[in-house]
Amino acid sequence: MLQQMFHQMKRHPAIIPLLGCIGMGTAMAVGYVGRVLLFHPDVCWDKSNPEPFHKYGPNVQYKFFSPKTDYSQLKKEGPDF
């Protein structure tokens, strides 16, 4: 099958950028899903801490992108539960 794909790329060189874009999109999607599974506070991998989001304070950035907010300078706004 790989040999057939290389043969098609030789015959139709316009396929090469298309496969590159598809490969890059797939890699980005897999990377984002991996990041969410490993670092998002709502995901719980063990039963010892059923609410892992309580260990995050207000100064921890778990958002993917936040250009305006500096999370290291935030103060706590509510009580501890």
N, C-alpha and C. Protein backbone atom coordinates (compact mmCIF):
# COMPACT_ATOMS: atom_id res chain seq x y z
N MET A 1 0.82 -1.18 0.00
CA MET A 1 0.00 0.00 0.00
C MET A 1 0.87 1.26 0.00
N LEU A 2 1.95 1.25 0.76
CA LEU A 2 2.85 2.39 0.79
C LEU A 2 3.51 2.58 -0.57
N GLN A 3 3.83 1.49 -1.21
CA GLN A 3 4.43 1.56 -2.55
C GLN A 3 3.45 2.17 -3.55
N GLN A 4 2.19 1.83 -3.44
CA GLN A 4 1.18 2.39 -4.33
C GLN A 4 1.00 3.90 -4.07
N MET A 5 1.10 4.32 -2.81
CA MET A 5 0.99 5.73 -2.49
C MET A 5 2.15 6.53 -3.10
N PHE A 6 3.37 5.99 -3.00
CA PHE A 6 4.52 6.67 -3.61
C PHE A 6 4.40 6.72 -5.13
N HIS A 7 3.85 5.69 -5.71
CA HIS A 7 3.64 5.67 -7.16
C HIS A 7 2.63 6.76 -7.57
N GLN A 8 1.57 6.92 -6.81
CA GLN A 8 0.59 7.97 -7.10
C GLN A 8 1.19 9.36 -6.92
N MET A 9 2.06 9.54 -5.92
CA MET A 9 2.70 10.84 -5.72
C MET A 9 3.64 11.17 -6.86
N LYS A 10 4.28 10.18 -7.46
CA LYS A 10 5.13 10.43 -8.62
C LYS A 10 4.30 10.86 -9.83
N ARG A 11 3.15 10.24 -9.99
CA ARG A 11 2.31 10.56 -11.14
C ARG A 11 1.57 11.88 -10.96
N HIS A 12 1.18 12.21 -9.73
CA HIS A 12 0.42 13.43 -9.44
C HIS A 12 1.12 14.19 -8.31
N PRO A 13 2.07 15.07 -8.62
CA PRO A 13 2.82 15.76 -7.56
C PRO A 13 1.99 16.76 -6.75
N ALA A 14 0.78 17.10 -7.21
CA ALA A 14 -0.07 18.02 -6.45
C ALA A 14 -0.63 17.35 -5.19
N ILE A 15 -0.49 16.05 -5.07
CA ILE A 15 -0.97 15.34 -3.89
C ILE A 15 -0.06 15.58 -2.68
N ILE A 16 1.20 15.90 -2.92
CA ILE A 16 2.18 16.02 -1.84
C ILE A 16 1.80 17.12 -0.83
N PRO A 17 1.45 18.36 -1.25
CA PRO A 17 1.04 19.35 -0.24
C PRO A 17 -0.26 18.97 0.47
N LEU A 18 -1.16 18.31 -0.26
CA LEU A 18 -2.41 17.88 0.36
C LEU A 18 -2.14 16.88 1.48
N LEU A 19 -1.27 15.92 1.23
CA LEU A 19 -0.93 14.93 2.26
C LEU A 19 -0.18 15.59 3.42
N GLY A 20 0.63 16.60 3.10
CA GLY A 20 1.33 17.33 4.17
C GLY A 20 0.36 18.06 5.08
N CYS A 21 -0.64 18.72 4.48
CA CYS A 21 -1.65 19.43 5.28
C CYS A 21 -2.48 18.47 6.11
N ILE A 22 -2.86 17.35 5.53
CA ILE A 22 -3.63 16.36 6.27
C ILE A 22 -2.80 15.78 7.42
N GLY A 23 -1.53 15.50 7.17
CA GLY A 23 -0.66 14.98 8.22
C GLY A 23 -0.45 15.98 9.35
N MET A 24 -0.28 17.28 8.99
CA MET A 24 -0.09 18.31 10.00
C MET A 24 -1.36 18.49 10.84
N GLY A 25 -2.51 18.47 10.19
CA GLY A 25 -3.77 18.59 10.93
C GLY A 25 -4.00 17.42 11.87
N THR A 26 -3.66 16.23 11.41
CA THR A 26 -3.80 15.04 12.25
C THR A 26 -2.87 15.11 13.45
N ALA A 27 -1.63 15.55 13.22
CA ALA A 27 -0.66 15.66 14.31
C ALA A 27 -1.11 16.70 15.34
N MET A 28 -1.66 17.82 14.86
CA MET A 28 -2.13 18.85 15.79
C MET A 28 -3.34 18.37 16.59
N ALA A 29 -4.24 17.64 15.95
CA ALA A 29 -5.41 17.12 16.66
C ALA A 29 -5.00 16.11 17.73
N VAL A 30 -4.09 15.22 17.39
CA VAL A 30 -3.61 14.23 18.36
C VAL A 30 -2.87 14.91 19.50
N GLY A 31 -2.08 15.93 19.19
CA GLY A 31 -1.37 16.67 20.23
C GLY A 31 -2.31 17.39 21.18
N TYR A 32 -3.37 17.98 20.65
CA TYR A 32 -4.33 18.68 21.50
C TYR A 32 -5.09 17.71 22.39
N VAL A 33 -5.50 16.59 21.84
CA VAL A 33 -6.20 15.60 22.66
C VAL A 33 -5.27 15.06 23.75
N GLY A 34 -4.01 14.84 23.42
CA GLY A 34 -3.05 14.40 24.43
C GLY A 34 -2.84 15.43 25.52
N ARG A 35 -2.78 16.72 25.13
CA ARG A 35 -2.63 17.78 26.11
C ARG A 35 -3.84 17.85 27.04
N VAL A 36 -5.03 17.73 26.49
CA VAL A 36 -6.23 17.77 27.31
C VAL A 36 -6.26 16.58 28.26
N LEU A 37 -5.89 15.41 27.78
CA LEU A 37 -5.92 14.22 28.64
C LEU A 37 -4.88 14.28 29.75
N LEU A 38 -3.75 14.92 29.51
CA LEU A 38 -2.68 14.93 30.50
C LEU A 38 -2.73 16.12 31.46
N PHE A 39 -3.17 17.29 30.97
CA PHE A 39 -3.02 18.50 31.78
C PHE A 39 -4.31 19.21 32.14
N HIS A 40 -5.45 18.80 31.66
CA HIS A 40 -6.68 19.51 31.96
C HIS A 40 -7.17 19.12 33.35
N PRO A 41 -7.63 20.08 34.15
CA PRO A 41 -7.99 19.76 35.53
C PRO A 41 -9.28 18.94 35.66
N ASP A 42 -10.07 18.84 34.64
CA ASP A 42 -11.31 18.07 34.74
C ASP A 42 -11.12 16.58 34.50
N VAL A 43 -9.95 16.17 34.05
CA VAL A 43 -9.69 14.76 33.76
C VAL A 43 -9.10 14.10 34.99
N CYS A 44 -9.70 13.00 35.41
CA CYS A 44 -9.25 12.28 36.60
C CYS A 44 -8.80 10.88 36.19
N TRP A 45 -7.54 10.55 36.44
CA TRP A 45 -6.99 9.24 36.05
C TRP A 45 -7.00 8.24 37.19
N ASP A 46 -7.08 8.70 38.43
CA ASP A 46 -7.06 7.77 39.55
C ASP A 46 -8.27 8.02 40.46
N LYS A 47 -8.61 7.01 41.23
CA LYS A 47 -9.78 7.10 42.10
C LYS A 47 -9.45 7.74 43.45
N SER A 48 -8.16 7.97 43.74
CA SER A 48 -7.80 8.51 45.05
C SER A 48 -8.22 9.97 45.20
N ASN A 49 -8.29 10.72 44.11
CA ASN A 49 -8.71 12.12 44.16
C ASN A 49 -9.83 12.30 43.13
N PRO A 50 -11.09 12.13 43.52
CA PRO A 50 -12.18 12.20 42.54
C PRO A 50 -12.44 13.61 42.03
N GLU A 51 -11.93 14.64 42.71
CA GLU A 51 -12.13 16.02 42.27
C GLU A 51 -10.77 16.70 42.15
N PRO A 52 -10.02 16.43 41.09
CA PRO A 52 -8.66 16.96 40.98
C PRO A 52 -8.61 18.46 40.72
N PHE A 53 -9.73 19.05 40.34
CA PHE A 53 -9.72 20.48 40.04
C PHE A 53 -9.63 21.33 41.30
N HIS A 54 -9.80 20.75 42.48
CA HIS A 54 -9.69 21.51 43.72
C HIS A 54 -8.24 21.83 44.07
N LYS A 55 -7.29 21.12 43.50
CA LYS A 55 -5.89 21.39 43.84
C LYS A 55 -5.33 22.57 43.05
N TYR A 56 -6.05 23.06 42.05
CA TYR A 56 -5.59 24.19 41.27
C TYR A 56 -6.02 25.49 41.94
N GLY A 57 -5.07 26.39 42.07
CA GLY A 57 -5.37 27.70 42.65
C GLY A 57 -5.71 28.70 41.55
N PRO A 58 -5.94 29.94 41.94
CA PRO A 58 -6.29 30.95 40.94
C PRO A 58 -5.09 31.40 40.11
N ASN A 59 -3.87 31.08 40.55
CA ASN A 59 -2.70 31.53 39.82
C ASN A 59 -2.10 30.44 38.93
N VAL A 60 -2.84 29.39 38.63
CA VAL A 60 -2.38 28.32 37.73
C VAL A 60 -3.09 28.49 36.39
N GLN A 61 -2.31 28.58 35.34
CA GLN A 61 -2.91 28.72 34.01
C GLN A 61 -3.09 27.34 33.41
N TYR A 62 -4.34 26.95 33.21
CA TYR A 62 -4.62 25.71 32.53
C TYR A 62 -5.39 25.95 31.24
N LYS A 63 -5.61 27.23 30.92
CA LYS A 63 -6.21 27.57 29.64
C LYS A 63 -5.17 27.36 28.54
N PHE A 64 -5.63 27.05 27.34
CA PHE A 64 -4.71 26.81 26.23
C PHE A 64 -3.96 28.07 25.83
N PHE A 65 -4.68 29.20 25.74
CA PHE A 65 -4.07 30.45 25.30
C PHE A 65 -4.75 31.61 26.01
N SER A 66 -3.97 32.44 26.66
CA SER A 66 -4.52 33.59 27.35
C SER A 66 -3.53 34.75 27.21
N PRO A 67 -3.70 35.59 26.19
CA PRO A 67 -2.69 36.62 25.92
C PRO A 67 -2.73 37.79 26.90
N LYS A 68 -3.86 38.09 27.54
CA LYS A 68 -3.98 39.30 28.35
C LYS A 68 -3.82 39.05 29.85
N THR A 69 -4.09 37.86 30.32
CA THR A 69 -4.12 37.60 31.75
C THR A 69 -2.79 37.01 32.21
N ASP A 70 -2.22 37.61 33.26
CA ASP A 70 -1.02 37.06 33.89
C ASP A 70 -1.47 36.29 35.13
N TYR A 71 -1.49 34.99 35.04
CA TYR A 71 -2.05 34.16 36.11
C TYR A 71 -1.18 34.13 37.36
N SER A 72 0.09 34.48 37.25
CA SER A 72 0.94 34.46 38.43
C SER A 72 0.62 35.61 39.38
N GLN A 73 -0.06 36.65 38.91
CA GLN A 73 -0.39 37.81 39.74
C GLN A 73 -1.81 37.79 40.30
N LEU A 74 -2.61 36.80 39.99
CA LEU A 74 -4.00 36.76 40.45
C LEU A 74 -4.07 36.41 41.93
N LYS A 75 -5.05 36.97 42.59
CA LYS A 75 -5.31 36.68 43.99
C LYS A 75 -6.52 35.79 44.11
N LYS A 76 -6.62 35.08 45.20
CA LYS A 76 -7.75 34.19 45.43
C LYS A 76 -9.00 35.01 45.77
N GLU A 77 -10.11 34.66 45.14
CA GLU A 77 -11.32 35.45 45.33
C GLU A 77 -12.38 34.76 46.20
N GLY A 78 -12.24 33.49 46.47
CA GLY A 78 -13.27 32.79 47.22
C GLY A 78 -12.70 32.00 48.36
N PRO A 79 -13.56 31.36 49.16
CA PRO A 79 -13.10 30.58 50.30
C PRO A 79 -12.60 29.19 49.89
N ASP A 80 -11.85 28.55 50.80
CA ASP A 80 -11.44 27.16 50.60
C ASP A 80 -12.59 26.25 50.98
N PHE A 81 -12.80 25.19 50.24
CA PHE A 81 -13.83 24.21 50.54
C PHE A 81 -13.19 22.91 50.93
